[in-house]
Amino acid sequence: MGNSSRKGEGEEEEEGTKDGEEEEDTKKEKEVEEVEEELPLGVEELLESGDPVLDLSYRKFKRLPSRVWELTYLEKLYACGNRLRTVPDSISQLQGLRMLALDFNKLEDVPLAVCELTNLTHLYLGSNRLMILPPEFTNLKSLRCFWMESNYFQTFPRELYELPNLKSLQMGDNRLKTLPRDFCRMESLKGLWLYGNRFETFPKVLLGMESLEILDLDRNKITEFPSLKRLRPLHLFSYDHNPVKEPPKVGQEVILVGEGAAEFMEVREARKERRRKAAEEEAEELAQAEEEPVIHGILKNSNSNSKPATDEAVLDIEDSDVKDEETLDKEEEQQDGMELPGTEYDGADLDYDEEMVEYETEEIICEGEGFEYEGEGLEYENIPMDYEYEDGEELEDTGGQDEGA
């Protein structure tokens, strides 16, 4: 009994010690939270500046300052590179927000309050821990640019089908193996990044993407590409680090990036240069032919013994010219409405000079080794990550630059 009593007393002491430790841990957590409430240097000034653009990136926030949700005038909020696991519902108060960057955090789910920001045009959720999109994501009808690279998506989220204005979709470094057969429903899509996934064959559904201008399939396991000539708007195709033997067939203006692409483009440029020179030579010959003098009316007598024309002769020539003009006028009146025979022009040697055509597009900027592409609306910027956010305001009519910051 004595031993039992001692044992019971020992257990009570141990439980009391545990309770004390838990209380101490709770106090420490509260202290940590209080420390986190203290704003980093310079943040106070940012919150009071009245600027519609607020950058709180790389501040080691576990949660954003509550004062942020009072800034209802905000249009752009950068909160990338922190330690955020979620975002409070209060963010839904920022209805004027057009651009939100939450990449490089620890989000496991898309905060539902973010789905209430129906004026968003640009959303960056790259480098988090996402696997799916919530059904509420379809509320973001104004979204034009969505970057969700470096997450854990194994299947394509069909919620994106319900975003009619989506033009730029970044899904690089996920775990996709295929695309759904109805992927071509995304008719507005102009830029698609699928690098670093697990494709073993080219997704044939992409051949029906009539608006696609940029396609990136780097770092997959594709061994063969079909002809991409039917993708007429395509301007950049990147297929680097795929086990292919030769570049795919593409249109004359498409920039290729990948194995053998440099040699292919050199040959193509040399061929275009030869055609350009041939066209210039042909044009010069035509110009020279047009410059040769054509004599109308009475030809001058070439006899060395002929006398200079008298005034009467000159008058006769002038009268003759007037008569000829009157005759031509009458003939033209008689032939009015009739199609005159045209000169047949053989343009076989005059190829269209495509180098002189300046490619213009809406919303796309992509930079990488070996190529540059500019257009309207795909911008992404963050100095620490060598990324550049696009200016959401310009994206309404102009472009920007990419990759999640």
Protein backbone atom coordinates (compact mmCIF):
# COMPACT_ATOMS: atom_id res chain seq x y z
CA MET A 1 0.00 0.00 0.00
CA GLY A 2 2.84 2.33 0.87
CA ASN A 3 4.47 1.69 -2.47
CA SER A 4 1.14 2.21 -4.19
CA SER A 5 0.65 5.53 -2.44
CA ARG A 6 4.08 6.64 -3.38
CA LYS A 7 3.45 5.62 -6.96
CA GLY A 8 0.23 7.60 -7.04
CA GLU A 9 1.93 10.60 -5.59
CA GLY A 10 4.69 10.24 -8.21
CA GLU A 11 2.15 10.13 -11.03
CA GLU A 12 0.43 13.24 -9.70
CA GLU A 13 3.75 15.04 -9.50
CA GLU A 14 4.57 13.99 -13.08
CA GLU A 15 1.20 15.20 -14.36
CA GLY A 16 1.67 18.47 -12.51
CA THR A 17 5.06 18.87 -14.13
CA LYS A 18 3.53 18.24 -17.60
CA ASP A 19 0.80 20.79 -16.98
CA GLY A 20 3.41 23.28 -15.92
CA GLU A 21 5.43 22.64 -19.06
CA GLU A 22 2.35 23.07 -21.26
CA GLU A 23 1.52 26.36 -19.58
CA GLU A 24 5.08 27.51 -20.07
CA ASP A 25 4.97 26.52 -23.76
CA THR A 26 1.70 28.43 -24.17
CA LYS A 27 3.27 31.49 -22.59
CA LYS A 28 6.25 31.20 -24.93
CA GLU A 29 3.94 30.94 -27.94
CA LYS A 30 2.07 34.04 -26.82
CA GLU A 31 5.35 35.85 -26.36
CA VAL A 32 6.39 34.82 -29.87
CA GLU A 33 3.06 36.05 -31.23
CA GLU A 34 3.52 39.35 -29.43
CA VAL A 35 6.97 39.68 -30.94
CA GLU A 36 5.54 38.91 -34.39
CA GLU A 37 2.99 41.67 -33.91
CA GLU A 38 5.86 44.12 -33.79
CA LEU A 39 6.22 45.33 -37.34
CA PRO A 40 9.59 45.03 -39.05
CA LEU A 41 11.52 48.20 -39.74
CA GLY A 42 9.92 50.26 -42.48
CA VAL A 43 6.58 48.39 -42.56
CA GLU A 44 4.84 51.01 -40.42
CA GLU A 45 5.72 53.65 -42.99
CA LEU A 46 4.44 51.43 -45.81
CA LEU A 47 1.10 50.94 -44.09
CA GLU A 48 0.67 54.68 -43.59
CA SER A 49 1.86 55.75 -47.03
CA GLY A 50 -1.54 55.54 -48.74
CA ASP A 51 0.14 53.87 -51.72
CA PRO A 52 -2.20 51.46 -53.57
CA VAL A 53 0.78 49.09 -53.94
CA LEU A 54 1.95 47.34 -50.75
CA ASP A 55 5.03 45.11 -50.77
CA LEU A 56 5.47 42.92 -47.68
CA SER A 57 7.62 40.29 -49.38
CA TYR A 58 10.38 38.42 -47.55
CA ARG A 59 9.56 39.79 -44.09
CA LYS A 60 9.33 36.36 -42.41
CA PHE A 61 5.67 36.94 -41.55
CA LYS A 62 3.76 33.93 -40.24
CA ARG A 63 0.67 36.04 -40.58
CA LEU A 64 0.23 39.43 -42.15
CA PRO A 65 -0.35 42.50 -39.96
CA SER A 66 -4.06 42.97 -39.22
CA ARG A 67 -3.81 46.60 -40.29
CA VAL A 68 -3.38 45.45 -43.90
CA TRP A 69 -7.05 44.50 -44.11
CA GLU A 70 -8.05 48.07 -43.31
CA LEU A 71 -6.34 49.38 -46.46
CA THR A 72 -9.36 49.02 -48.71
CA TYR A 73 -7.75 51.25 -51.34
CA LEU A 74 -5.07 48.63 -52.10
CA GLU A 75 -4.77 47.50 -55.73
CA LYS A 76 -1.64 45.33 -55.49
CA LEU A 77 -0.44 43.28 -52.54
CA TYR A 78 2.89 41.46 -52.58
CA ALA A 79 3.30 38.98 -49.72
CA CYS A 80 5.58 36.40 -51.30
CA GLY A 81 8.53 34.76 -49.59
CA ASN A 82 7.04 34.69 -46.09
CA ARG A 83 5.91 31.80 -43.87
CA LEU A 84 2.19 32.07 -44.38
CA ARG A 85 0.12 28.90 -43.93
CA THR A 86 -3.15 30.69 -44.51
CA VAL A 87 -4.67 34.11 -45.05
CA PRO A 88 -7.45 35.46 -42.78
CA ASP A 89 -10.97 35.95 -44.07
CA SER A 90 -10.46 39.68 -43.61
CA ILE A 91 -8.64 39.80 -46.94
CA SER A 92 -12.06 39.71 -48.61
CA GLN A 93 -12.45 43.36 -47.54
CA LEU A 94 -9.86 44.35 -50.17
CA GLN A 95 -12.33 44.34 -53.04
CA GLY A 96 -10.22 46.80 -55.03
CA LEU A 97 -7.34 44.33 -55.20
CA ARG A 98 -6.34 43.46 -58.76
CA MET A 99 -3.01 41.75 -58.13
CA LEU A 100 -2.15 39.37 -55.28
CA ALA A 101 1.19 37.58 -54.87
CA LEU A 102 1.31 34.79 -52.27
CA ASP A 103 4.00 32.64 -53.85
CA PHE A 104 6.90 31.14 -51.89
CA ASN A 105 4.88 30.56 -48.74
CA LYS A 106 3.55 27.41 -47.03
CA LEU A 107 -0.05 27.40 -48.21
CA GLU A 108 -1.62 23.94 -48.38
CA ASP A 109 -4.97 25.19 -49.63
CA VAL A 110 -6.15 28.23 -51.56
CA PRO A 111 -7.73 30.51 -48.93
CA LEU A 112 -11.46 30.69 -49.64
CA ALA A 113 -11.46 34.40 -48.84
CA VAL A 114 -9.12 34.91 -51.81
CA CYS A 115 -11.83 33.45 -54.04
CA GLU A 116 -14.06 36.35 -53.01
CA LEU A 117 -11.72 38.91 -54.59
CA THR A 118 -13.66 38.98 -57.83
CA ASN A 119 -11.72 41.92 -59.29
CA LEU A 120 -8.42 40.04 -59.29
CA THR A 121 -6.74 39.94 -62.69
CA HIS A 122 -3.38 38.50 -61.56
CA LEU A 123 -2.87 35.81 -58.92
CA TYR A 124 0.46 34.21 -58.01
CA LEU A 125 0.40 31.06 -55.87
CA GLY A 126 3.59 29.38 -57.04
CA SER A 127 5.99 27.51 -54.75
CA ASN A 128 3.47 26.51 -52.11
CA ARG A 129 2.03 23.09 -51.20
CA LEU A 130 -1.17 23.10 -53.24
CA MET A 131 -2.71 19.96 -54.74
CA ILE A 132 -6.19 21.12 -55.76
CA LEU A 133 -8.24 24.26 -56.31
CA PRO A 134 -11.47 24.81 -54.38
CA PRO A 135 -14.78 24.96 -56.31
CA GLU A 136 -15.06 28.61 -55.22
CA PHE A 137 -12.09 29.41 -57.43
CA THR A 138 -14.52 29.74 -60.35
CA ASN A 139 -15.68 33.07 -58.86
CA LEU A 140 -12.53 34.74 -60.20
CA LYS A 141 -14.05 35.54 -63.60
CA SER A 142 -11.76 38.55 -64.16
CA LEU A 143 -8.55 36.53 -63.74
CA ARG A 144 -6.21 36.93 -66.70
CA CYS A 145 -2.91 35.64 -65.32
CA PHE A 146 -2.59 32.68 -62.92
CA TRP A 147 0.77 31.28 -61.83
CA MET A 148 0.72 28.04 -59.84
CA GLU A 149 4.14 26.58 -60.62
CA SER A 150 6.12 24.42 -58.17
CA ASN A 151 3.17 22.85 -56.40
CA TYR A 152 1.84 19.28 -56.28
CA PHE A 153 -0.92 19.12 -58.90
CA GLN A 154 -1.24 15.62 -60.38
CA THR A 155 -4.31 16.36 -62.48
CA PHE A 156 -5.34 19.48 -64.32
CA PRO A 157 -7.81 21.56 -62.25
CA ARG A 158 -11.00 21.86 -64.29
CA GLU A 159 -12.07 24.89 -62.25
CA LEU A 160 -9.89 26.87 -64.66
CA TYR A 161 -12.34 26.12 -67.47
CA GLU A 162 -14.75 28.58 -65.89
CA LEU A 163 -12.35 31.53 -66.20
CA PRO A 164 -13.18 33.02 -69.62
CA ASN A 165 -10.49 35.73 -69.53
CA LEU A 166 -7.53 33.57 -68.52
CA LYS A 167 -4.67 34.22 -70.95
CA SER A 168 -1.53 33.18 -69.07
CA LEU A 169 -1.28 29.88 -67.16
CA GLN A 170 1.94 28.82 -65.45
CA MET A 171 1.89 25.17 -64.32
CA GLY A 172 5.58 24.34 -64.53
CA ASP A 173 7.19 21.99 -61.99
CA ASN A 174 4.08 20.09 -61.01
CA ARG A 175 3.27 16.40 -61.50
CA LEU A 176 1.06 16.37 -64.59
CA LYS A 177 1.25 13.39 -66.95
CA THR A 178 -1.63 14.24 -69.27
CA LEU A 179 -4.08 17.01 -70.11
CA PRO A 180 -7.85 16.40 -70.29
CA ARG A 181 -9.38 15.92 -73.74
CA ASP A 182 -11.51 19.03 -73.36
CA PHE A 183 -8.55 21.24 -72.51
CA CYS A 184 -9.17 23.16 -75.72
CA ARG A 185 -12.15 24.75 -73.99
CA MET A 186 -9.63 27.32 -72.74
CA GLU A 187 -10.01 29.34 -75.90
CA SER A 188 -8.53 32.58 -74.52
CA LEU A 189 -5.24 31.00 -73.44
CA LYS A 190 -2.18 32.57 -75.08
CA GLY A 191 0.70 31.51 -72.83
CA LEU A 192 1.06 28.01 -71.35
CA TRP A 193 4.02 26.81 -69.28
CA LEU A 194 4.17 23.04 -68.63
CA TYR A 195 7.91 22.59 -68.10
CA GLY A 196 9.18 20.20 -65.43
CA ASN A 197 6.15 17.91 -65.42
CA ARG A 198 5.93 14.20 -66.32
CA PHE A 199 4.67 14.17 -69.91
CA GLU A 200 5.97 11.22 -71.95
CA THR A 201 4.01 12.08 -75.09
CA PHE A 202 3.00 15.40 -76.58
CA PRO A 203 -0.56 16.29 -75.47
CA LYS A 204 -2.34 16.25 -78.83
CA VAL A 205 -5.19 18.33 -77.46
CA LEU A 206 -2.80 21.29 -77.66
CA LEU A 207 -2.99 21.12 -81.46
CA GLY A 208 -6.48 22.55 -81.17
CA MET A 209 -5.37 25.61 -79.20
CA GLU A 210 -5.89 28.22 -81.90
CA SER A 211 -4.87 31.23 -79.78
CA LEU A 212 -1.68 29.79 -78.25
CA GLU A 213 1.37 32.03 -78.71
CA ILE A 214 3.82 30.66 -76.12
CA LEU A 215 4.21 26.98 -75.27
CA ASP A 216 6.90 25.69 -72.90
CA LEU A 217 7.38 21.93 -72.48
CA ASP A 218 10.98 21.95 -71.21
CA ARG A 219 12.20 19.15 -68.95
CA ASN A 220 9.66 16.47 -69.72
CA LYS A 221 10.16 12.99 -71.26
CA ILE A 222 8.71 13.57 -74.71
CA THR A 223 10.53 11.67 -77.47
CA GLU A 224 8.68 12.98 -80.53
CA PHE A 225 6.73 16.09 -81.47
CA PRO A 226 4.05 16.36 -84.18
CA SER A 227 4.05 19.19 -86.70
CA LEU A 228 3.02 22.41 -84.98
CA LYS A 229 2.40 24.36 -88.18
CA ARG A 230 -1.33 24.37 -87.58
CA LEU A 231 -0.74 26.54 -84.50
CA ARG A 232 -0.55 29.69 -86.62
CA PRO A 233 -0.35 32.27 -83.80
CA LEU A 234 2.52 30.33 -82.12
CA HIS A 235 5.57 32.54 -81.71
CA LEU A 236 7.70 30.67 -79.16
CA PHE A 237 8.04 26.93 -78.55
CA SER A 238 10.50 25.65 -75.97
CA TYR A 239 11.20 21.91 -75.77
CA ASP A 240 14.66 21.84 -74.18
CA HIS A 241 15.76 18.81 -72.15
CA ASN A 242 13.42 16.35 -73.84
CA PRO A 243 14.83 13.17 -75.48
CA VAL A 244 13.98 14.21 -79.05
CA LYS A 245 16.19 13.69 -82.10
CA GLU A 246 15.23 16.74 -84.11
CA PRO A 247 13.27 19.97 -83.81
CA PRO A 248 9.55 19.85 -84.57
CA LYS A 249 8.12 21.39 -87.72
CA VAL A 250 6.87 24.88 -87.02
CA GLY A 251 5.85 28.05 -88.87
CA GLN A 252 8.43 30.39 -90.37
CA GLU A 253 8.15 32.95 -87.56
CA VAL A 254 8.29 30.58 -84.59
CA ILE A 255 11.26 30.88 -82.24
CA LEU A 256 12.52 27.46 -81.15
CA VAL A 257 14.45 26.68 -77.97
CA GLY A 258 15.82 23.18 -77.56
CA GLU A 259 18.17 20.50 -78.87
CA GLY A 260 19.14 21.28 -82.48
CA ALA A 261 17.05 24.45 -82.53
CA ALA A 262 20.03 26.79 -83.00
CA GLU A 263 21.23 24.99 -86.15
CA PHE A 264 17.70 24.78 -87.50
CA MET A 265 17.12 28.49 -87.04
CA GLU A 266 20.50 29.37 -88.62
CA VAL A 267 19.59 27.39 -91.74
CA ARG A 268 16.16 28.98 -91.82
CA GLU A 269 17.58 32.50 -91.46
CA ALA A 270 20.14 31.83 -94.22
CA ARG A 271 17.36 30.66 -96.54
CA LYS A 272 15.28 33.74 -95.74
CA GLU A 273 18.29 35.97 -96.40
CA ARG A 274 18.81 34.41 -99.83
CA ARG A 275 15.16 34.97 -100.65
CA ARG A 276 15.36 38.54 -99.43
CA LYS A 277 18.35 39.29 -101.66
CA ALA A 278 16.65 37.67 -104.63
CA ALA A 279 13.58 39.82 -104.01
CA GLU A 280 15.71 42.97 -103.80
CA GLU A 281 17.47 42.14 -107.08
CA GLU A 282 14.14 41.50 -108.78
CA ALA A 283 12.78 44.79 -107.45
CA GLU A 284 15.84 46.66 -108.75
CA GLU A 285 15.39 45.16 -112.20
CA LEU A 286 11.76 46.21 -112.25
CA ALA A 287 12.69 49.73 -111.11
CA GLN A 288 15.31 50.04 -113.85
CA ALA A 289 12.81 48.88 -116.44
CA GLU A 290 10.38 51.56 -115.33
CA GLU A 291 13.07 54.28 -115.59
CA GLU A 292 13.77 53.63 -119.34
CA PRO A 293 12.39 56.58 -121.41
CA VAL A 294 9.25 55.95 -123.48
CA ILE A 295 8.73 58.35 -126.45
CA HIS A 296 5.14 59.21 -127.41
CA GLY A 297 4.02 60.93 -130.64
CA ILE A 298 6.31 61.79 -133.62
CA LEU A 299 9.87 60.48 -133.36
CA LYS A 300 12.68 62.76 -134.34
CA ASN A 301 14.31 62.03 -137.74
CA SER A 302 17.71 60.46 -137.05
CA ASN A 303 19.12 61.52 -140.48
CA SER A 304 22.26 63.61 -139.97
CA ASN A 305 21.25 65.86 -142.91
CA SER A 306 17.86 66.75 -141.44
CA LYS A 307 17.30 70.44 -140.68
CA PRO A 308 16.20 71.82 -137.30
CA ALA A 309 12.46 71.90 -136.90
CA THR A 310 10.84 75.17 -137.83
CA ASP A 311 8.18 76.92 -135.79
CA GLU A 312 5.54 75.50 -138.13
CA ALA A 313 6.89 72.02 -137.62
CA VAL A 314 6.81 72.52 -133.88
CA LEU A 315 3.18 73.70 -134.13
CA ASP A 316 2.33 70.67 -136.25
CA ILE A 317 3.84 68.41 -133.56
CA GLU A 318 1.89 70.17 -130.80
CA ASP A 319 -1.35 69.90 -132.79
CA SER A 320 -0.62 66.26 -133.42
CA ASP A 321 -0.10 65.67 -129.67
CA VAL A 322 -3.42 67.36 -128.91
CA LYS A 323 -5.19 65.19 -131.49
CA ASP A 324 -3.54 62.08 -130.05
CA GLU A 325 -4.74 63.00 -126.56
CA GLU A 326 -8.27 63.65 -127.83
CA THR A 327 -8.24 60.31 -129.62
CA LEU A 328 -7.06 58.55 -126.44
CA ASP A 329 -9.78 60.26 -124.40
CA LYS A 330 -12.45 59.07 -126.83
CA GLU A 331 -11.07 55.55 -126.80
CA GLU A 332 -11.08 55.56 -123.00
CA GLU A 333 -14.71 56.74 -122.99
CA GLN A 334 -15.68 53.97 -125.38
CA GLN A 335 -13.90 51.41 -123.24
CA ASP A 336 -15.32 52.76 -119.99
CA GLY A 337 -16.36 49.88 -117.75
CA MET A 338 -14.34 47.37 -119.75
CA GLU A 339 -11.47 45.62 -118.02
CA LEU A 340 -8.17 46.39 -119.70
CA PRO A 341 -5.74 43.56 -120.17
CA GLY A 342 -3.20 43.56 -117.31
CA THR A 343 0.46 42.79 -117.36
CA GLU A 344 1.14 39.26 -116.25
CA TYR A 345 3.47 39.16 -113.23
CA ASP A 346 5.45 36.12 -112.34
CA GLY A 347 6.03 36.32 -108.58
CA ALA A 348 7.62 32.90 -108.25
CA ASP A 349 10.98 34.37 -107.30
CA LEU A 350 9.56 37.08 -105.07
CA ASP A 351 8.97 35.47 -101.68
CA TYR A 352 7.31 37.45 -98.96
CA ASP A 353 9.90 39.11 -96.77
CA GLU A 354 8.80 37.91 -93.38
CA GLU A 355 11.71 39.53 -91.62
CA MET A 356 10.14 42.91 -92.22
CA VAL A 357 6.95 41.92 -90.40
CA GLU A 358 6.97 43.01 -86.77
CA TYR A 359 5.23 40.48 -84.59
CA GLU A 360 2.71 42.05 -82.23
CA THR A 361 0.80 40.24 -79.53
CA GLU A 362 -1.18 40.94 -76.47
CA GLU A 363 0.10 40.24 -73.00
CA ILE A 364 3.05 37.99 -73.12
CA ILE A 365 6.60 38.41 -72.01
CA CYS A 366 8.92 35.50 -71.54
CA GLU A 367 12.62 35.65 -71.07
CA GLY A 368 15.11 32.82 -70.99
CA GLU A 369 18.39 31.69 -72.40
CA GLY A 370 18.54 32.02 -76.12
CA PHE A 371 15.34 33.91 -76.71
CA GLU A 372 13.35 36.99 -75.92
CA TYR A 373 9.70 37.48 -76.37
CA GLU A 374 7.68 40.57 -75.69
CA GLY A 375 4.01 41.17 -75.69
CA GLU A 376 1.14 42.36 -73.57
CA GLY A 377 0.46 41.07 -70.12
CA LEU A 378 2.75 38.33 -68.85
CA GLU A 379 4.94 40.00 -66.34
CA TYR A 380 6.25 38.71 -63.11
CA GLU A 381 8.85 40.37 -60.98
CA ASN A 382 10.70 39.80 -57.79
CA ILE A 383 14.32 40.85 -57.36
CA PRO A 384 15.39 38.20 -54.81
CA MET A 385 14.13 35.38 -57.05
CA ASP A 386 15.13 36.96 -60.36
CA TYR A 387 11.47 37.13 -61.26
CA GLU A 388 9.44 40.08 -62.35
CA TYR A 389 5.81 40.63 -61.57
CA GLU A 390 3.81 42.09 -64.35
CA ASP A 391 2.12 45.41 -63.90
CA GLY A 392 -1.51 44.46 -63.62
CA GLU A 393 -2.59 47.94 -64.74
CA GLU A 394 -0.60 47.76 -67.94
CA LEU A 395 -1.87 44.28 -68.54
CA GLU A 396 -5.20 45.67 -69.46
CA ASP A 397 -3.53 46.86 -72.69
CA THR A 398 0.18 46.16 -72.39
CA GLY A 399 2.47 43.45 -71.18
CA GLY A 400 5.00 42.63 -68.48
CA GLN A 401 7.44 39.93 -67.46
CA ASP A 402 7.39 36.59 -65.89
CA GLU A 403 8.03 33.90 -63.34
CA GLY A 404 6.76 33.80 -59.83
CA ALA A 405 8.45 36.09 -57.40
